[in-house]
Amino acid sequence: QCHVFHDLSPQAGMLFLVMPKEPIIGLSEAEDSGESHLGHVVIVGEKHAAHLGLTSGFQMVVYEGPKGGQSVNRI
């Protein structure tokens, strides 16, 4: 299960966030048990992009750790 949030004031084009309901702090802490959750987040993101008509391409980004730009302790 995931939540999808749209940025009301994106700096470029369109931005939405996909967050799993079960918190995953970061990729480095996901371990084997998080694989299905992480895969589900990617699939939900792809389906939502298709729903929005983003058929010519889109970008998915995951920030990992403070030096990687992660500002919220949750994927």
N, C-alpha and C. Protein backbone atom coordinates (compact mmCIF):
# COMPACT_ATOMS: atom_id res chain seq x y z
N GLN A 1 0.84 -1.18 0.00
CA GLN A 1 0.00 0.00 0.00
C GLN A 1 0.88 1.24 0.00
N CYS A 2 0.48 2.25 -0.76
CA CYS A 2 1.25 3.48 -0.88
C CYS A 2 0.33 4.70 -0.86
N HIS A 3 0.91 5.82 -0.49
CA HIS A 3 0.25 7.11 -0.61
C HIS A 3 0.92 7.84 -1.79
N VAL A 4 0.14 8.58 -2.57
CA VAL A 4 0.68 9.41 -3.65
C VAL A 4 0.29 10.85 -3.35
N PHE A 5 1.30 11.71 -3.31
CA PHE A 5 1.09 13.14 -3.04
C PHE A 5 1.59 13.95 -4.22
N HIS A 6 0.81 14.93 -4.64
CA HIS A 6 1.23 15.85 -5.70
C HIS A 6 1.78 17.12 -5.09
N ASP A 7 2.88 17.60 -5.67
CA ASP A 7 3.45 18.88 -5.26
C ASP A 7 2.60 19.98 -5.89
N LEU A 8 2.05 20.85 -5.07
CA LEU A 8 1.17 21.91 -5.58
C LEU A 8 1.95 23.04 -6.24
N SER A 9 3.24 23.15 -5.95
CA SER A 9 4.07 24.20 -6.55
C SER A 9 5.40 23.61 -7.03
N PRO A 10 5.36 22.69 -8.00
CA PRO A 10 6.61 22.08 -8.45
C PRO A 10 7.49 23.10 -9.17
N GLN A 11 8.80 22.94 -9.00
CA GLN A 11 9.73 23.86 -9.66
C GLN A 11 9.91 23.52 -11.13
N ALA A 12 9.59 22.31 -11.50
CA ALA A 12 9.72 21.92 -12.91
C ALA A 12 8.58 20.98 -13.27
N GLY A 13 7.83 21.33 -14.27
CA GLY A 13 6.78 20.45 -14.79
C GLY A 13 5.82 19.91 -13.76
N MET A 14 5.98 18.65 -13.45
CA MET A 14 5.07 17.96 -12.54
C MET A 14 5.89 17.14 -11.55
N LEU A 15 5.43 17.08 -10.31
CA LEU A 15 6.12 16.31 -9.30
C LEU A 15 5.10 15.63 -8.41
N PHE A 16 5.28 14.33 -8.20
CA PHE A 16 4.47 13.64 -7.21
C PHE A 16 5.36 12.69 -6.42
N LEU A 17 4.98 12.45 -5.19
CA LEU A 17 5.74 11.58 -4.29
C LEU A 17 4.95 10.31 -4.05
N VAL A 18 5.63 9.19 -4.04
CA VAL A 18 5.02 7.91 -3.71
C VAL A 18 5.70 7.43 -2.43
N MET A 19 4.91 7.25 -1.38
CA MET A 19 5.46 6.81 -0.09
C MET A 19 4.74 5.55 0.36
N PRO A 20 5.51 4.51 0.74
CA PRO A 20 4.86 3.31 1.26
C PRO A 20 4.21 3.60 2.61
N LYS A 21 3.06 2.98 2.86
CA LYS A 21 2.40 3.16 4.15
C LYS A 21 3.24 2.59 5.28
N GLU A 22 3.93 1.49 5.01
CA GLU A 22 4.86 0.94 6.00
C GLU A 22 6.19 1.66 5.81
N PRO A 23 6.64 2.40 6.81
CA PRO A 23 7.82 3.24 6.61
C PRO A 23 9.09 2.45 6.31
N ILE A 24 9.82 2.91 5.31
CA ILE A 24 11.16 2.44 4.99
C ILE A 24 12.03 3.68 5.08
N ILE A 25 12.99 3.67 5.99
CA ILE A 25 13.81 4.86 6.24
C ILE A 25 14.72 5.16 5.06
N GLY A 26 15.35 4.16 4.51
CA GLY A 26 16.25 4.36 3.37
C GLY A 26 16.57 3.04 2.71
N LEU A 27 17.15 3.09 1.52
CA LEU A 27 17.49 1.87 0.80
C LEU A 27 18.46 1.01 1.60
N SER A 28 19.42 1.65 2.26
CA SER A 28 20.43 0.91 3.01
C SER A 28 19.84 0.17 4.21
N GLU A 29 18.67 0.53 4.64
CA GLU A 29 18.03 -0.12 5.79
C GLU A 29 16.89 -1.04 5.39
N ALA A 30 16.61 -1.15 4.10
CA ALA A 30 15.45 -1.93 3.64
C ALA A 30 15.65 -3.43 3.82
N GLU A 31 16.85 -3.94 3.59
CA GLU A 31 17.17 -5.35 3.68
C GLU A 31 16.24 -6.18 2.80
N ASP A 32 16.33 -7.49 2.91
CA ASP A 32 15.54 -8.38 2.05
C ASP A 32 14.04 -8.22 2.27
N SER A 33 13.63 -7.95 3.50
CA SER A 33 12.20 -7.85 3.79
C SER A 33 11.56 -6.65 3.11
N GLY A 34 12.35 -5.65 2.71
CA GLY A 34 11.81 -4.46 2.06
C GLY A 34 11.72 -4.55 0.56
N GLU A 35 12.22 -5.64 -0.03
CA GLU A 35 12.23 -5.74 -1.49
C GLU A 35 10.85 -5.61 -2.10
N SER A 36 9.87 -6.32 -1.56
CA SER A 36 8.54 -6.27 -2.15
C SER A 36 7.92 -4.88 -1.99
N HIS A 37 8.20 -4.21 -0.86
CA HIS A 37 7.67 -2.86 -0.65
C HIS A 37 8.30 -1.87 -1.63
N LEU A 38 9.62 -1.97 -1.81
CA LEU A 38 10.31 -1.07 -2.73
C LEU A 38 9.85 -1.29 -4.16
N GLY A 39 9.68 -2.55 -4.54
CA GLY A 39 9.17 -2.86 -5.87
C GLY A 39 7.77 -2.31 -6.07
N HIS A 40 6.96 -2.41 -5.04
CA HIS A 40 5.59 -1.90 -5.12
C HIS A 40 5.58 -0.38 -5.31
N VAL A 41 6.49 0.32 -4.61
CA VAL A 41 6.59 1.78 -4.75
C VAL A 41 6.90 2.14 -6.20
N VAL A 42 7.82 1.42 -6.82
CA VAL A 42 8.20 1.69 -8.22
C VAL A 42 7.02 1.43 -9.15
N ILE A 43 6.31 0.34 -8.96
CA ILE A 43 5.16 0.00 -9.81
C ILE A 43 4.05 1.04 -9.65
N VAL A 44 3.77 1.46 -8.42
CA VAL A 44 2.75 2.50 -8.19
C VAL A 44 3.16 3.79 -8.89
N GLY A 45 4.44 4.15 -8.80
CA GLY A 45 4.92 5.36 -9.47
C GLY A 45 4.74 5.28 -10.97
N GLU A 46 5.07 4.14 -11.55
CA GLU A 46 4.92 3.96 -13.01
C GLU A 46 3.46 4.02 -13.42
N LYS A 47 2.59 3.38 -12.68
CA LYS A 47 1.16 3.40 -13.00
C LYS A 47 0.58 4.81 -12.88
N HIS A 48 1.02 5.55 -11.87
CA HIS A 48 0.52 6.91 -11.69
C HIS A 48 1.03 7.81 -12.82
N ALA A 49 2.28 7.63 -13.23
CA ALA A 49 2.81 8.40 -14.35
C ALA A 49 2.01 8.11 -15.62
N ALA A 50 1.68 6.85 -15.87
CA ALA A 50 0.87 6.49 -17.04
C ALA A 50 -0.51 7.11 -16.95
N HIS A 51 -1.10 7.09 -15.75
CA HIS A 51 -2.42 7.68 -15.53
C HIS A 51 -2.42 9.18 -15.85
N LEU A 52 -1.28 9.84 -15.57
CA LEU A 52 -1.16 11.27 -15.84
C LEU A 52 -0.79 11.56 -17.29
N GLY A 53 -0.61 10.52 -18.09
CA GLY A 53 -0.30 10.71 -19.50
C GLY A 53 1.17 10.96 -19.78
N LEU A 54 2.03 10.60 -18.86
CA LEU A 54 3.47 10.81 -19.06
C LEU A 54 4.04 9.64 -19.87
N THR A 55 3.63 9.56 -21.12
CA THR A 55 3.96 8.42 -21.97
C THR A 55 5.31 8.55 -22.67
N SER A 56 5.85 9.77 -22.75
CA SER A 56 7.13 9.93 -23.44
C SER A 56 8.32 9.84 -22.48
N GLY A 57 8.06 9.57 -21.21
CA GLY A 57 9.13 9.38 -20.25
C GLY A 57 8.91 10.14 -18.96
N PHE A 58 9.59 9.70 -17.95
CA PHE A 58 9.52 10.33 -16.63
C PHE A 58 10.77 9.94 -15.87
N GLN A 59 11.00 10.57 -14.75
CA GLN A 59 12.16 10.31 -13.91
C GLN A 59 11.71 9.91 -12.52
N MET A 60 12.36 8.87 -11.97
CA MET A 60 12.13 8.48 -10.59
C MET A 60 13.43 8.73 -9.84
N VAL A 61 13.31 9.30 -8.64
CA VAL A 61 14.49 9.64 -7.85
C VAL A 61 14.31 9.13 -6.43
N VAL A 62 15.37 8.54 -5.88
CA VAL A 62 15.39 8.15 -4.47
C VAL A 62 16.63 8.80 -3.86
N TYR A 63 16.42 9.60 -2.84
CA TYR A 63 17.53 10.22 -2.12
C TYR A 63 17.91 9.32 -0.95
N GLU A 64 19.20 9.07 -0.78
CA GLU A 64 19.68 8.18 0.28
C GLU A 64 20.69 8.91 1.16
N GLY A 65 20.33 9.13 2.41
CA GLY A 65 21.24 9.74 3.37
C GLY A 65 21.39 11.25 3.17
N PRO A 66 21.86 11.92 4.20
CA PRO A 66 22.00 13.39 4.15
C PRO A 66 22.91 13.86 3.01
N LYS A 67 23.99 13.15 2.74
CA LYS A 67 24.89 13.56 1.66
C LYS A 67 24.30 13.25 0.29
N GLY A 68 23.29 12.40 0.24
CA GLY A 68 22.60 12.09 -1.01
C GLY A 68 21.37 12.94 -1.23
N GLY A 69 21.14 13.92 -0.36
CA GLY A 69 20.02 14.84 -0.52
C GLY A 69 18.76 14.45 0.21
N GLN A 70 18.79 13.36 1.00
CA GLN A 70 17.59 12.94 1.73
C GLN A 70 17.32 13.91 2.88
N SER A 71 16.16 14.55 2.85
CA SER A 71 15.82 15.52 3.89
C SER A 71 14.70 15.02 4.80
N VAL A 72 14.03 13.93 4.41
CA VAL A 72 12.99 13.32 5.23
C VAL A 72 13.42 11.88 5.48
N ASN A 73 13.37 11.45 6.72
CA ASN A 73 13.83 10.10 7.06
C ASN A 73 12.79 9.05 6.71
N ARG A 74 12.50 8.97 5.42
CA ARG A 74 11.55 7.99 4.90
C ARG A 74 11.64 8.02 3.38
N ILE A 75 11.57 6.83 2.77
CA ILE A 75 11.54 6.79 1.31
C ILE A 75 10.16 7.22 0.87
